[in-house]
Amino acid sequence: MILAGCALLASCDYTVPLVDKPSLEIDHQMVGLWARTKADHQTERLLVLPLDAKEYMVAYPQNASDSAMFARACLVECAGRKLVQLTWIGNAAGNLPDDDRVYQVSAYSIKGDELTVNLLNTDVVDKDIKTSAELADAIAQNKSHPELFVEPLIFTKVKD
């Protein structure tokens, strides 16, 4: 979604959210522990828990002690598709974000036990957008752009 996070890109992307307040119900299929194997054969885990009826709590990478990052996430309708907005709040070492770039946006899909996350590409939708309306407009204007999202991250649901 969900969600993968600032740890993937070394920094968060935007200083403005797509929405100030969540309005869509969570997708319960996203809830759970997910894992992916990176190119170096290391496993990363993504934990998605319901915070309430409209928000998630996300931990990524969940298996990294002090470097695990935490975010609030919600679903957002934008440009005719359901996206995930992440608001990164800190990490397991107790460090808080050191600037206003705490927002990320991603597309997601779930097929069976597979979660695919595609983060919004800041080369297509500029990081320096100043308002939520501008961010939504930029996504809508580029909705057909073949590189609107970066390469997918594919996670598999961890079974009990």
N, C-alpha and C. Protein backbone atom coordinates (compact mmCIF):
# COMPACT_ATOMS: atom_id res chain seq x y z
N MET A 1 0.61 -0.68 0.00
CA MET A 1 0.00 0.00 0.00
C MET A 1 0.40 0.45 0.00
N ILE A 2 0.19 -0.76 0.15
CA ILE A 2 0.17 0.03 1.01
C ILE A 2 1.31 0.18 0.86
N LEU A 3 2.01 0.03 0.40
CA LEU A 3 2.43 0.76 1.33
C LEU A 3 3.78 0.53 1.58
N ALA A 4 4.53 0.87 1.22
CA ALA A 4 5.86 0.53 1.51
C ALA A 4 6.45 1.79 2.02
N GLY A 5 7.39 2.47 1.99
CA GLY A 5 7.54 3.68 2.70
C GLY A 5 8.79 4.42 2.43
N CYS A 6 9.01 5.35 3.32
CA CYS A 6 10.17 6.22 3.17
C CYS A 6 11.45 5.41 3.14
N ALA A 7 11.48 4.32 3.87
CA ALA A 7 12.69 3.50 3.90
C ALA A 7 13.06 3.01 2.51
N LEU A 8 12.09 2.86 1.65
CA LEU A 8 12.36 2.38 0.30
C LEU A 8 13.09 3.42 -0.53
N LEU A 9 12.79 4.66 -0.31
CA LEU A 9 13.35 5.71 -1.14
C LEU A 9 14.33 6.60 -0.39
N ALA A 10 14.58 6.29 0.86
CA ALA A 10 15.50 7.04 1.72
C ALA A 10 14.91 8.37 2.18
N SER A 11 13.80 8.79 1.63
CA SER A 11 13.13 9.99 2.14
C SER A 11 11.67 9.95 1.71
N CYS A 12 10.86 10.72 2.41
CA CYS A 12 9.47 10.81 2.00
C CYS A 12 9.35 11.85 0.91
N ASP A 13 8.19 11.89 0.28
CA ASP A 13 8.09 12.64 -0.96
C ASP A 13 7.46 14.02 -0.85
N TYR A 14 6.32 14.14 -0.19
CA TYR A 14 5.54 15.36 -0.28
C TYR A 14 5.36 16.05 1.07
N THR A 15 5.15 17.37 1.02
CA THR A 15 4.90 18.16 2.23
C THR A 15 3.41 18.41 2.44
N VAL A 16 2.60 17.97 1.49
CA VAL A 16 1.15 18.14 1.60
C VAL A 16 0.47 16.79 1.40
N PRO A 17 -0.64 16.56 2.10
CA PRO A 17 -1.39 15.33 1.91
C PRO A 17 -2.36 15.46 0.74
N LEU A 18 -2.82 14.33 0.24
CA LEU A 18 -3.92 14.36 -0.73
C LEU A 18 -5.21 14.74 -0.03
N VAL A 19 -5.40 14.21 1.18
CA VAL A 19 -6.58 14.53 1.99
C VAL A 19 -6.14 14.83 3.42
N ASP A 20 -6.89 15.71 4.08
CA ASP A 20 -6.59 16.03 5.48
C ASP A 20 -7.22 15.02 6.43
N LYS A 21 -8.35 14.46 6.01
CA LYS A 21 -9.09 13.56 6.89
C LYS A 21 -9.52 12.34 6.09
N PRO A 22 -9.26 11.14 6.61
CA PRO A 22 -9.69 9.92 5.90
C PRO A 22 -11.21 9.88 5.77
N SER A 23 -11.68 9.44 4.60
CA SER A 23 -13.13 9.32 4.40
C SER A 23 -13.56 7.94 3.93
N LEU A 24 -12.62 7.15 3.40
CA LEU A 24 -12.96 5.82 2.89
C LEU A 24 -12.67 4.75 3.94
N GLU A 25 -13.50 3.73 3.95
CA GLU A 25 -13.28 2.59 4.84
C GLU A 25 -12.02 1.84 4.40
N ILE A 26 -11.34 1.22 5.35
CA ILE A 26 -10.14 0.45 5.01
C ILE A 26 -10.50 -0.79 4.20
N ASP A 27 -9.54 -1.29 3.47
CA ASP A 27 -9.66 -2.54 2.73
C ASP A 27 -9.08 -3.62 3.64
N HIS A 28 -9.93 -4.45 4.19
CA HIS A 28 -9.49 -5.46 5.17
C HIS A 28 -8.54 -6.49 4.57
N GLN A 29 -8.52 -6.61 3.25
CA GLN A 29 -7.57 -7.54 2.62
C GLN A 29 -6.12 -7.11 2.85
N MET A 30 -5.90 -5.82 3.09
CA MET A 30 -4.54 -5.31 3.29
C MET A 30 -4.00 -5.62 4.68
N VAL A 31 -4.87 -5.87 5.62
CA VAL A 31 -4.45 -6.08 7.01
C VAL A 31 -3.67 -7.38 7.12
N GLY A 32 -2.53 -7.31 7.79
CA GLY A 32 -1.75 -8.51 8.05
C GLY A 32 -0.26 -8.27 7.89
N LEU A 33 0.48 -9.35 7.95
CA LEU A 33 1.93 -9.32 7.80
C LEU A 33 2.28 -9.79 6.40
N TRP A 34 3.07 -9.00 5.71
CA TRP A 34 3.48 -9.26 4.33
C TRP A 34 5.00 -9.33 4.27
N ALA A 35 5.54 -10.08 3.32
CA ALA A 35 7.00 -10.19 3.17
C ALA A 35 7.38 -10.16 1.70
N ARG A 36 8.59 -9.66 1.46
CA ARG A 36 9.15 -9.69 0.11
C ARG A 36 10.64 -9.99 0.24
N THR A 37 11.19 -10.64 -0.77
CA THR A 37 12.61 -10.92 -0.81
C THR A 37 13.26 -9.93 -1.76
N LYS A 38 14.25 -9.20 -1.25
CA LYS A 38 14.96 -8.21 -2.05
C LYS A 38 16.00 -8.91 -2.93
N ALA A 39 16.61 -8.14 -3.82
CA ALA A 39 17.61 -8.68 -4.74
C ALA A 39 18.79 -9.30 -4.01
N ASP A 40 19.11 -8.79 -2.80
CA ASP A 40 20.23 -9.33 -2.03
C ASP A 40 19.81 -10.53 -1.17
N HIS A 41 18.61 -11.06 -1.43
CA HIS A 41 18.05 -12.24 -0.76
C HIS A 41 17.65 -11.98 0.69
N GLN A 42 17.64 -10.72 1.12
CA GLN A 42 17.15 -10.37 2.44
C GLN A 42 15.63 -10.24 2.38
N THR A 43 14.98 -10.63 3.46
CA THR A 43 13.52 -10.54 3.53
C THR A 43 13.12 -9.28 4.27
N GLU A 44 12.19 -8.53 3.69
CA GLU A 44 11.61 -7.36 4.34
C GLU A 44 10.15 -7.68 4.65
N ARG A 45 9.70 -7.21 5.79
CA ARG A 45 8.31 -7.42 6.19
C ARG A 45 7.59 -6.09 6.31
N LEU A 46 6.34 -6.14 5.93
CA LEU A 46 5.45 -4.99 5.99
C LEU A 46 4.27 -5.40 6.86
N LEU A 47 4.05 -4.67 7.96
CA LEU A 47 2.94 -4.97 8.85
C LEU A 47 1.88 -3.89 8.68
N VAL A 48 0.65 -4.31 8.39
CA VAL A 48 -0.47 -3.39 8.20
C VAL A 48 -1.56 -3.79 9.19
N LEU A 49 -1.89 -2.87 10.10
CA LEU A 49 -2.92 -3.13 11.11
C LEU A 49 -4.01 -2.07 11.01
N PRO A 50 -5.25 -2.43 11.35
CA PRO A 50 -6.31 -1.42 11.35
C PRO A 50 -6.14 -0.51 12.57
N LEU A 51 -6.12 0.78 12.35
CA LEU A 51 -6.05 1.75 13.45
C LEU A 51 -7.46 2.09 13.89
N ASP A 52 -8.34 2.23 12.92
CA ASP A 52 -9.77 2.41 13.15
C ASP A 52 -10.47 2.04 11.84
N ALA A 53 -11.71 2.41 11.68
CA ALA A 53 -12.47 2.00 10.49
C ALA A 53 -11.95 2.63 9.20
N LYS A 54 -11.18 3.73 9.30
CA LYS A 54 -10.74 4.45 8.11
C LYS A 54 -9.23 4.62 8.01
N GLU A 55 -8.48 4.09 8.97
CA GLU A 55 -7.03 4.25 8.91
C GLU A 55 -6.31 2.97 9.30
N TYR A 56 -5.10 2.86 8.76
CA TYR A 56 -4.20 1.76 9.09
C TYR A 56 -3.02 2.31 9.88
N MET A 57 -2.34 1.41 10.59
CA MET A 57 -1.02 1.68 11.13
C MET A 57 -0.09 0.76 10.35
N VAL A 58 1.00 1.33 9.81
CA VAL A 58 1.94 0.58 8.98
C VAL A 58 3.31 0.59 9.64
N ALA A 59 3.96 -0.57 9.69
CA ALA A 59 5.35 -0.67 10.14
C ALA A 59 6.15 -1.29 9.01
N TYR A 60 7.24 -0.58 8.62
CA TYR A 60 8.07 -1.08 7.51
C TYR A 60 9.49 -0.59 7.66
N PRO A 61 10.49 -1.37 7.45
CA PRO A 61 10.42 -2.83 7.43
C PRO A 61 10.21 -3.34 8.85
N GLN A 62 9.22 -4.17 9.02
CA GLN A 62 8.77 -4.62 10.33
C GLN A 62 9.83 -5.44 11.04
N ASN A 63 10.72 -6.09 10.33
CA ASN A 63 11.73 -6.95 10.95
C ASN A 63 13.02 -6.22 11.28
N ALA A 64 13.11 -4.94 11.02
CA ALA A 64 14.32 -4.18 11.32
C ALA A 64 14.12 -3.44 12.63
N SER A 65 14.89 -3.77 13.65
CA SER A 65 14.66 -3.25 14.99
C SER A 65 14.56 -1.72 15.05
N ASP A 66 15.68 -1.02 15.08
CA ASP A 66 15.65 0.43 15.24
C ASP A 66 15.29 1.18 13.97
N SER A 67 15.38 0.54 12.82
CA SER A 67 15.10 1.27 11.58
C SER A 67 13.67 1.10 11.10
N ALA A 68 12.87 0.28 11.77
CA ALA A 68 11.47 0.14 11.37
C ALA A 68 10.80 1.50 11.45
N MET A 69 10.05 1.83 10.40
CA MET A 69 9.36 3.11 10.34
C MET A 69 7.86 2.88 10.51
N PHE A 70 7.18 3.88 11.06
CA PHE A 70 5.76 3.77 11.33
C PHE A 70 5.00 4.89 10.62
N ALA A 71 3.83 4.52 10.09
CA ALA A 71 3.01 5.49 9.38
C ALA A 71 1.54 5.25 9.66
N ARG A 72 0.77 6.31 9.51
CA ARG A 72 -0.68 6.20 9.42
C ARG A 72 -0.97 6.15 7.93
N ALA A 73 -1.95 5.38 7.54
CA ALA A 73 -2.30 5.28 6.12
C ALA A 73 -3.81 5.28 5.97
N CYS A 74 -4.26 5.81 4.85
CA CYS A 74 -5.69 5.79 4.54
C CYS A 74 -5.87 5.68 3.04
N LEU A 75 -7.04 5.22 2.66
CA LEU A 75 -7.39 5.13 1.24
C LEU A 75 -7.96 6.47 0.77
N VAL A 76 -7.64 6.81 -0.48
CA VAL A 76 -8.04 8.08 -1.07
C VAL A 76 -8.51 7.82 -2.49
N GLU A 77 -9.62 8.43 -2.90
CA GLU A 77 -10.05 8.41 -4.30
C GLU A 77 -9.40 9.59 -5.00
N CYS A 78 -8.70 9.30 -6.09
CA CYS A 78 -8.06 10.38 -6.85
C CYS A 78 -7.90 9.92 -8.30
N ALA A 79 -8.31 10.75 -9.21
CA ALA A 79 -8.17 10.47 -10.65
C ALA A 79 -8.81 9.14 -11.03
N GLY A 80 -9.94 8.83 -10.41
CA GLY A 80 -10.67 7.63 -10.77
C GLY A 80 -10.11 6.33 -10.23
N ARG A 81 -9.18 6.41 -9.29
CA ARG A 81 -8.65 5.17 -8.72
C ARG A 81 -8.44 5.34 -7.22
N LYS A 82 -8.41 4.20 -6.55
CA LYS A 82 -8.19 4.18 -5.12
C LYS A 82 -6.69 4.11 -4.86
N LEU A 83 -6.19 5.09 -4.10
CA LEU A 83 -4.78 5.17 -3.75
C LEU A 83 -4.62 5.09 -2.24
N VAL A 84 -3.40 4.92 -1.79
CA VAL A 84 -3.09 4.93 -0.37
C VAL A 84 -2.25 6.16 -0.08
N GLN A 85 -2.65 6.90 0.94
CA GLN A 85 -1.84 8.02 1.44
C GLN A 85 -1.17 7.57 2.72
N LEU A 86 0.15 7.71 2.77
CA LEU A 86 0.93 7.38 3.96
C LEU A 86 1.42 8.66 4.61
N THR A 87 1.32 8.71 5.93
CA THR A 87 1.87 9.82 6.71
C THR A 87 2.86 9.21 7.69
N TRP A 88 4.15 9.39 7.42
CA TRP A 88 5.20 8.78 8.24
C TRP A 88 5.37 9.57 9.53
N ILE A 89 5.39 8.85 10.68
CA ILE A 89 5.39 9.53 11.98
C ILE A 89 6.65 9.30 12.80
N GLY A 90 7.47 8.34 12.45
CA GLY A 90 8.70 8.10 13.21
C GLY A 90 9.21 6.69 13.01
N ASN A 91 10.26 6.36 13.77
CA ASN A 91 10.81 5.00 13.66
C ASN A 91 10.94 4.34 15.02
N ALA A 92 11.38 3.09 15.03
CA ALA A 92 11.44 2.30 16.25
C ALA A 92 12.46 2.82 17.25
N ALA A 93 13.41 3.64 16.80
CA ALA A 93 14.40 4.23 17.70
C ALA A 93 13.85 5.49 18.37
N GLY A 94 12.61 5.86 18.03
CA GLY A 94 12.00 7.04 18.62
C GLY A 94 12.30 8.33 17.87
N ASN A 95 12.92 8.23 16.71
CA ASN A 95 13.23 9.41 15.91
C ASN A 95 12.00 9.86 15.14
N LEU A 96 11.79 11.15 15.11
CA LEU A 96 10.67 11.74 14.38
C LEU A 96 11.18 12.27 13.05
N PRO A 97 10.30 12.47 12.08
CA PRO A 97 10.74 13.05 10.81
C PRO A 97 11.44 14.39 11.06
N ASP A 98 12.50 14.65 10.29
CA ASP A 98 13.26 15.87 10.52
C ASP A 98 12.91 17.00 9.55
N ASP A 99 11.89 16.78 8.72
CA ASP A 99 11.39 17.85 7.85
C ASP A 99 9.90 17.62 7.60
N ASP A 100 9.32 18.44 6.73
CA ASP A 100 7.88 18.36 6.46
C ASP A 100 7.52 17.33 5.40
N ARG A 101 8.49 16.64 4.83
CA ARG A 101 8.22 15.64 3.79
C ARG A 101 7.84 14.32 4.45
N VAL A 102 6.59 14.25 4.90
CA VAL A 102 6.13 13.06 5.62
C VAL A 102 5.08 12.27 4.84
N TYR A 103 4.70 12.73 3.66
CA TYR A 103 3.62 12.09 2.90
C TYR A 103 4.15 11.32 1.70
N GLN A 104 3.55 10.17 1.47
CA GLN A 104 3.77 9.40 0.25
C GLN A 104 2.42 8.92 -0.25
N VAL A 105 2.36 8.66 -1.55
CA VAL A 105 1.14 8.17 -2.18
C VAL A 105 1.51 6.93 -2.97
N SER A 106 0.67 5.91 -2.89
CA SER A 106 0.92 4.70 -3.67
C SER A 106 -0.38 4.12 -4.20
N ALA A 107 -0.23 3.38 -5.28
CA ALA A 107 -1.31 2.53 -5.77
C ALA A 107 -1.06 1.16 -5.18
N TYR A 108 -2.09 0.34 -5.15
CA TYR A 108 -1.91 -1.02 -4.65
C TYR A 108 -2.91 -1.94 -5.33
N SER A 109 -2.56 -3.21 -5.32
CA SER A 109 -3.52 -4.23 -5.76
C SER A 109 -3.26 -5.48 -4.94
N ILE A 110 -4.32 -6.25 -4.75
CA ILE A 110 -4.21 -7.51 -4.02
C ILE A 110 -4.84 -8.59 -4.88
N LYS A 111 -4.06 -9.62 -5.14
CA LYS A 111 -4.56 -10.79 -5.87
C LYS A 111 -4.17 -12.01 -5.06
N GLY A 112 -5.16 -12.64 -4.45
CA GLY A 112 -4.88 -13.79 -3.60
C GLY A 112 -4.02 -13.37 -2.42
N ASP A 113 -2.87 -14.00 -2.27
CA ASP A 113 -1.95 -13.69 -1.18
C ASP A 113 -0.83 -12.75 -1.61
N GLU A 114 -1.04 -12.00 -2.69
CA GLU A 114 0.00 -11.11 -3.20
C GLU A 114 -0.46 -9.65 -3.16
N LEU A 115 0.35 -8.81 -2.52
CA LEU A 115 0.11 -7.38 -2.44
C LEU A 115 1.16 -6.68 -3.30
N THR A 116 0.70 -5.89 -4.26
CA THR A 116 1.61 -5.12 -5.11
C THR A 116 1.45 -3.65 -4.76
N VAL A 117 2.57 -3.00 -4.48
CA VAL A 117 2.60 -1.60 -4.09
C VAL A 117 3.41 -0.82 -5.12
N ASN A 118 2.86 0.28 -5.60
CA ASN A 118 3.54 1.15 -6.56
C ASN A 118 3.53 2.57 -6.02
N LEU A 119 4.69 3.06 -5.62
CA LEU A 119 4.78 4.43 -5.11
C LEU A 119 4.70 5.44 -6.25
N LEU A 120 4.09 6.58 -5.97
CA LEU A 120 3.98 7.65 -6.94
C LEU A 120 5.38 8.12 -7.34
N ASN A 121 5.59 8.31 -8.62
CA ASN A 121 6.89 8.69 -9.16
C ASN A 121 7.07 10.21 -9.08
N THR A 122 8.03 10.66 -8.29
CA THR A 122 8.26 12.10 -8.13
C THR A 122 8.91 12.74 -9.34
N ASP A 123 9.36 11.94 -10.30
CA ASP A 123 9.83 12.50 -11.57
C ASP A 123 8.66 12.91 -12.45
N VAL A 124 7.49 12.35 -12.18
CA VAL A 124 6.28 12.68 -12.94
C VAL A 124 5.42 13.68 -12.17
N VAL A 125 5.23 13.45 -10.88
CA VAL A 125 4.47 14.36 -10.02
C VAL A 125 5.47 15.01 -9.07
N ASP A 126 5.77 16.26 -9.34
CA ASP A 126 6.83 17.00 -8.66
C ASP A 126 6.71 16.99 -7.13
N LYS A 127 7.84 16.81 -6.46
CA LYS A 127 7.89 16.80 -4.99
C LYS A 127 7.57 18.16 -4.37
N ASP A 128 7.71 19.22 -5.14
CA ASP A 128 7.57 20.56 -4.57
C ASP A 128 6.18 21.16 -4.72
N ILE A 129 5.20 20.32 -4.98
CA ILE A 129 3.81 20.77 -5.04
C ILE A 129 3.44 21.37 -3.68
N LYS A 130 2.68 22.47 -3.70
CA LYS A 130 2.43 23.24 -2.48
C LYS A 130 1.09 23.00 -1.80
N THR A 131 0.09 22.45 -2.53
CA THR A 131 -1.23 22.26 -1.92
C THR A 131 -1.78 20.88 -2.26
N SER A 132 -2.72 20.45 -1.45
CA SER A 132 -3.39 19.18 -1.70
C SER A 132 -4.10 19.18 -3.05
N ALA A 133 -4.73 20.31 -3.39
CA ALA A 133 -5.43 20.41 -4.67
C ALA A 133 -4.46 20.28 -5.84
N GLU A 134 -3.28 20.91 -5.73
CA GLU A 134 -2.27 20.79 -6.78
C GLU A 134 -1.79 19.35 -6.92
N LEU A 135 -1.63 18.66 -5.80
CA LEU A 135 -1.19 17.26 -5.84
C LEU A 135 -2.24 16.40 -6.54
N ALA A 136 -3.50 16.57 -6.16
CA ALA A 136 -4.58 15.81 -6.80
C ALA A 136 -4.66 16.13 -8.30
N ASP A 137 -4.53 17.41 -8.65
CA ASP A 137 -4.57 17.80 -10.06
C ASP A 137 -3.41 17.20 -10.85
N ALA A 138 -2.22 17.20 -10.26
CA ALA A 138 -1.04 16.63 -10.95
C ALA A 138 -1.20 15.14 -11.18
N ILE A 139 -1.78 14.44 -10.21
CA ILE A 139 -2.03 13.01 -10.39
C ILE A 139 -3.06 12.81 -11.50
N ALA A 140 -4.14 13.60 -11.47
CA ALA A 140 -5.19 13.48 -12.49
C ALA A 140 -4.65 13.80 -13.89
N GLN A 141 -3.83 14.83 -14.00
CA GLN A 141 -3.28 15.22 -15.31
C GLN A 141 -2.34 14.16 -15.87
N ASN A 142 -1.74 13.37 -14.98
CA ASN A 142 -0.77 12.36 -15.42
C ASN A 142 -1.29 10.93 -15.28
N LYS A 143 -2.61 10.77 -15.10
CA LYS A 143 -3.15 9.44 -14.81
C LYS A 143 -2.86 8.42 -15.91
N SER A 144 -2.62 8.85 -17.12
CA SER A 144 -2.31 7.92 -18.21
C SER A 144 -0.81 7.81 -18.48
N HIS A 145 -0.01 8.54 -17.74
CA HIS A 145 1.44 8.51 -17.94
C HIS A 145 1.96 7.11 -17.58
N PRO A 146 2.71 6.48 -18.47
CA PRO A 146 3.17 5.11 -18.21
C PRO A 146 4.12 4.99 -17.02
N GLU A 147 4.70 6.11 -16.59
CA GLU A 147 5.64 6.07 -15.47
C GLU A 147 5.12 6.85 -14.26
N LEU A 148 3.78 6.93 -14.13
CA LEU A 148 3.20 7.63 -12.99
C LEU A 148 3.64 7.01 -11.67
N PHE A 149 3.85 5.71 -11.68
CA PHE A 149 4.29 5.00 -10.48
C PHE A 149 5.63 4.33 -10.75
N VAL A 150 6.44 4.18 -9.70
CA VAL A 150 7.74 3.51 -9.84
C VAL A 150 7.54 2.00 -9.89
N GLU A 151 8.63 1.28 -10.08
CA GLU A 151 8.59 -0.18 -10.17
C GLU A 151 7.84 -0.77 -8.97
N PRO A 152 7.07 -1.80 -9.19
CA PRO A 152 6.26 -2.36 -8.10
C PRO A 152 7.10 -3.10 -7.07
N LEU A 153 6.61 -3.06 -5.85
CA LEU A 153 7.12 -3.89 -4.76
C LEU A 153 6.08 -4.96 -4.54
N ILE A 154 6.48 -6.21 -4.58
CA ILE A 154 5.52 -7.31 -4.48
C ILE A 154 5.76 -8.06 -3.18
N PHE A 155 4.72 -8.11 -2.36
CA PHE A 155 4.76 -8.77 -1.06
C PHE A 155 3.83 -9.98 -1.09
N THR A 156 4.17 -10.99 -0.31
CA THR A 156 3.34 -12.17 -0.14
C THR A 156 2.86 -12.22 1.30
N LYS A 157 1.60 -12.57 1.50
CA LYS A 157 1.03 -12.64 2.85
C LYS A 157 1.74 -13.74 3.63
N VAL A 158 2.15 -13.41 4.85
CA VAL A 158 2.79 -14.38 5.72
C VAL A 158 1.70 -15.19 6.40
N LYS A 159 1.79 -16.49 6.25
CA LYS A 159 0.79 -17.39 6.85
C LYS A 159 1.18 -17.68 8.30
N ASP A 160 0.20 -18.00 9.11
CA ASP A 160 0.46 -18.35 10.52
C ASP A 160 1.35 -19.55 10.63
